[in-house]
Protein backbone atom coordinates (compact mmCIF):
# COMPACT_ATOMS: atom_id res chain seq x y z
CA UNK A 1 13.05 26.09 -20.09
CA UNK A 2 10.18 24.89 -22.29
CA UNK A 3 8.52 21.64 -21.23
CA UNK A 4 9.68 18.48 -22.96
CA UNK A 5 6.93 16.89 -25.03
CA UNK A 6 6.91 13.13 -25.54
CA UNK A 7 5.07 13.63 -28.84
CA UNK A 8 7.95 15.68 -30.26
CA UNK A 9 10.52 13.10 -29.21
CA UNK A 10 8.83 10.14 -30.88
CA UNK A 11 7.91 12.23 -33.95
CA UNK A 12 11.60 12.42 -34.93
CA UNK A 13 12.11 10.25 -37.98
CA UNK A 14 14.99 8.16 -36.63
CA UNK A 15 13.33 7.59 -33.26
CA UNK A 16 9.98 6.75 -34.84
CA UNK A 17 11.66 4.21 -37.11
CA UNK A 18 13.59 2.70 -34.19
CA UNK A 19 10.43 2.37 -32.09
CA UNK A 20 8.54 0.76 -34.95
CA UNK A 21 11.30 -1.82 -35.48
CA UNK A 22 11.62 -2.56 -31.76
CA UNK A 23 7.89 -2.95 -31.21
CA UNK A 24 7.65 -5.25 -34.24
CA UNK A 25 10.55 -7.38 -33.03
CA UNK A 26 9.04 -7.57 -29.53
CA UNK A 27 5.78 -8.91 -30.87
CA UNK A 28 3.65 -5.77 -31.12
CA UNK A 29 0.70 -4.99 -28.81
CA UNK A 30 2.65 -2.05 -27.39
CA UNK A 31 1.36 1.52 -27.38
CA UNK A 32 2.70 4.89 -26.26
CA UNK A 33 0.44 7.50 -24.63
CA UNK A 34 0.92 11.09 -23.52
CA UNK A 35 0.24 12.36 -19.99
CA UNK A 36 -3.50 12.54 -20.79
CA UNK A 37 -3.42 8.94 -22.06
CA UNK A 38 -3.95 10.04 -25.65
CA UNK A 39 -2.48 7.55 -28.13
CA UNK A 40 0.79 8.74 -29.70
CA UNK A 41 2.20 5.54 -31.16
CA UNK A 42 1.00 1.99 -31.77
CA UNK A 43 -2.49 0.52 -31.41
CA UNK A 44 -5.13 1.29 -28.80
CA UNK A 45 -4.10 -0.58 -25.63
CA UNK A 46 -6.11 -3.19 -23.83
CA UNK A 47 -7.42 -1.94 -20.48
CA UNK A 48 -5.77 -4.88 -18.75
CA UNK A 49 -2.33 -4.20 -20.24
CA UNK A 50 0.61 -3.10 -18.12
CA UNK A 51 1.47 0.57 -17.72
CA UNK A 52 5.04 1.92 -17.54
CA UNK A 53 5.73 5.56 -16.76
CA UNK A 54 7.98 7.89 -18.76
CA UNK A 55 9.25 10.77 -16.64
CA UNK A 56 11.94 13.44 -16.49
CA UNK A 57 13.13 14.68 -13.09
CA UNK A 58 9.88 13.54 -11.48
CA UNK A 59 7.64 15.08 -14.17
CA UNK A 60 5.52 12.49 -15.99
CA UNK A 61 5.56 12.77 -19.79
CA UNK A 62 3.44 9.75 -20.67
CA UNK A 63 3.08 5.98 -20.57
CA UNK A 64 4.01 2.83 -22.43
CA UNK A 65 1.22 0.25 -22.40
CA UNK A 66 1.60 -3.47 -22.99
CA UNK A 67 2.96 -6.61 -21.41
CA UNK A 68 6.49 -7.18 -20.13
CA UNK A 69 7.76 -6.40 -23.64
CA UNK A 70 6.70 -2.78 -23.08
CA UNK A 71 9.24 -2.34 -20.27
CA UNK A 72 12.34 -1.93 -22.51
CA UNK A 73 10.42 0.56 -24.69
CA UNK A 74 9.66 2.63 -21.59
CA UNK A 75 13.32 2.44 -20.53
CA UNK A 76 14.40 3.66 -23.98
CA UNK A 77 11.96 6.58 -23.95
CA UNK A 78 13.03 7.55 -20.43
CA UNK A 79 16.63 7.65 -21.63
CA UNK A 80 15.75 9.71 -24.72
CA UNK A 81 13.66 12.18 -22.71
CA UNK A 82 16.40 12.74 -20.13
CA UNK A 83 18.98 13.12 -22.88
CA UNK A 84 16.78 15.80 -24.46
CA UNK A 85 16.66 17.62 -21.12
CA UNK A 86 20.47 17.51 -20.87
CA UNK A 87 20.81 18.74 -24.46
CA UNK A 88 18.57 21.72 -23.72
CA UNK A 89 20.48 22.53 -20.53
CA UNK A 90 23.77 22.55 -22.47
CA UNK A 91 22.24 24.80 -25.13
CA UNK A 92 21.03 27.27 -22.49
CA UNK A 93 24.42 27.26 -20.74
CA UNK A 94 26.18 27.85 -24.06
CA UNK A 95 23.87 30.78 -24.81
CA UNK A 96 24.48 32.30 -21.37
CA UNK A 97 28.25 31.93 -21.81
CA UNK A 98 28.01 33.62 -25.20
CA UNK A 99 26.05 36.50 -23.71
CA UNK A 100 28.64 36.93 -20.95
CA UNK A 101 31.53 36.87 -23.43
CA UNK A 102 29.69 39.34 -25.65
CA UNK A 103 29.12 41.60 -22.64
CA UNK A 104 32.82 41.52 -21.73
CA UNK A 105 33.78 42.26 -25.33
CA UNK A 106 31.42 45.23 -25.52
CA UNK A 107 32.64 46.48 -22.17
CA UNK A 108 36.31 46.28 -23.14
CA UNK A 109 35.65 47.99 -26.47
CA UNK A 110 33.72 50.85 -24.89
CA UNK A 111 36.02 51.24 -21.89
CA UNK A 112 39.07 51.76 -24.08
CA UNK A 113 37.32 54.75 -25.63
CA UNK A 114 36.37 56.33 -22.27
CA UNK A 115 38.76 57.45 -19.57
CA UNK A 116 36.43 59.41 -17.28
CA UNK A 117 35.35 57.34 -14.23
CA UNK A 118 31.73 58.50 -14.50
CA UNK A 119 31.53 57.43 -18.15
CA UNK A 120 33.09 54.05 -17.42
CA UNK A 121 30.70 53.48 -14.51
CA UNK A 122 27.68 54.34 -16.66
CA UNK A 123 28.84 51.92 -19.36
CA UNK A 124 29.07 49.15 -16.76
CA UNK A 125 25.52 49.93 -15.58
CA UNK A 126 24.12 49.96 -19.12
CA UNK A 127 25.81 46.72 -20.16
CA UNK A 128 24.69 44.96 -16.98
CA UNK A 129 21.08 45.96 -17.67
CA UNK A 130 21.33 44.24 -21.05
CA UNK A 131 22.39 41.00 -19.38
CA UNK A 132 20.06 40.82 -16.37
CA UNK A 133 16.71 42.37 -15.46
CA UNK A 134 17.07 44.98 -12.73
CA UNK A 135 14.91 47.73 -11.23
CA UNK A 136 17.80 49.92 -10.17
CA UNK A 137 21.57 49.83 -10.04
CA UNK A 138 24.49 51.91 -8.78
CA UNK A 139 28.24 52.15 -9.16
CA UNK A 140 29.81 53.64 -6.03
CA UNK A 141 33.27 54.99 -5.26
CA UNK A 142 34.67 55.20 -1.74
CA UNK A 143 35.50 58.77 -0.75
CA UNK A 144 38.95 59.72 0.50
CA UNK A 145 37.97 59.17 4.13
CA UNK A 146 36.47 55.78 3.23
CA UNK A 147 33.43 56.76 5.28
CA UNK A 148 30.92 57.31 2.50
CA UNK A 149 30.09 56.06 -0.98
CA UNK A 150 29.95 58.50 -3.87
CA UNK A 151 27.49 57.65 -6.64
CA UNK A 152 29.39 57.57 -9.94
CA UNK A 153 26.56 56.21 -12.08
CA UNK A 154 23.10 54.87 -11.53
CA UNK A 155 19.94 53.47 -13.00
CA UNK A 156 17.16 54.65 -10.74
CA UNK A 157 14.12 56.73 -11.78
CA UNK A 158 14.11 58.38 -8.34
CA UNK A 159 17.83 59.10 -8.15
CA UNK A 160 17.23 62.82 -8.50
CA UNK A 161 15.58 62.87 -5.08
CA UNK A 162 18.42 61.07 -3.36
CA UNK A 163 21.75 62.39 -1.97
CA UNK A 164 24.85 62.07 -4.15
CA UNK A 165 26.67 60.32 -1.31
CA UNK A 166 25.53 57.30 0.66
CA UNK A 167 26.57 55.97 4.05
CA UNK A 168 28.26 52.56 4.19
CA UNK A 169 25.99 50.08 5.92
CA UNK A 170 24.37 46.67 5.76
CA UNK A 171 25.17 44.18 3.03
CA UNK A 172 27.14 46.75 1.03
CA UNK A 173 29.42 47.37 4.00
CA UNK A 174 29.97 43.62 4.40
CA UNK A 175 30.96 43.24 0.74
CA UNK A 176 33.37 46.18 0.97
CA UNK A 177 34.98 44.78 4.13
CA UNK A 178 35.40 41.24 2.79
CA UNK A 179 36.00 42.02 -0.88
CA UNK A 180 33.69 39.11 -1.77
CA UNK A 181 30.69 39.75 -4.02
CA UNK A 182 27.29 38.43 -2.98
CA UNK A 183 23.86 37.67 -4.41
CA UNK A 184 21.12 37.86 -1.79
CA UNK A 185 17.80 36.56 -3.12
CA UNK A 186 15.74 37.61 -0.08
CA UNK A 187 17.25 40.65 1.59
CA UNK A 188 14.50 40.86 4.22
CA UNK A 189 15.72 37.58 5.72
CA UNK A 190 19.36 38.75 5.89
CA UNK A 191 20.26 40.17 9.33
CA UNK A 192 22.69 42.62 7.69
CA UNK A 193 19.97 44.28 5.62
CA UNK A 194 19.23 47.91 6.45
CA UNK A 195 15.77 49.03 5.20
CA UNK A 196 15.77 52.01 2.86
CA UNK A 197 13.20 54.43 1.45
CA UNK A 198 12.68 52.28 -1.66
CA UNK A 199 11.64 48.61 -1.88
CA UNK A 200 14.33 45.93 -2.34
CA UNK A 201 13.61 42.22 -2.63
CA UNK A 202 16.94 40.91 -3.95
CA UNK A 203 20.43 42.34 -4.29
CA UNK A 204 23.64 41.69 -6.18
CA UNK A 205 26.68 43.50 -4.83
CA UNK A 206 30.29 43.18 -6.05
């Protein structure tokens, strides 16, 4: 998420007008500075004036300088900055939900036109790659003896050098046994992880 800039918040016409009216009604002598103490609003502050921080989630955006009358201005800007952060978070969540819905729609549309398991598996791989960044991916099918995994589709530049069937072990085995998908961000710290001939740092298995 892009950093929130105090300058952009107070540059909005309605907020700028509100600040101007409030500062005038409070008696003036109030200024707003960015994180580098560059003047954004009001007059140059007196070195002896009070200093009130504006921050979002522990990240300082700037300061309001002045006497006690500067305190409510700082409170207002803190509220506006945190509201901007929440607005951005909602926008990102909405976009992610849209992408997921769009993925499901594309999957359903393509799956209805393909009945072969290998084709369906490859569609799932391709659509997943559009949603998240991955280095390699596989769709497996348990063989009749349920002792090995057959590779139905894959995204792996080195797949040609690997066997078409894989043994069931490690995190994959755990997911198959429990039926519960997992995301492991650091596989090397997971006691179930079985090292392979290619590097893995994180894993999503469903």
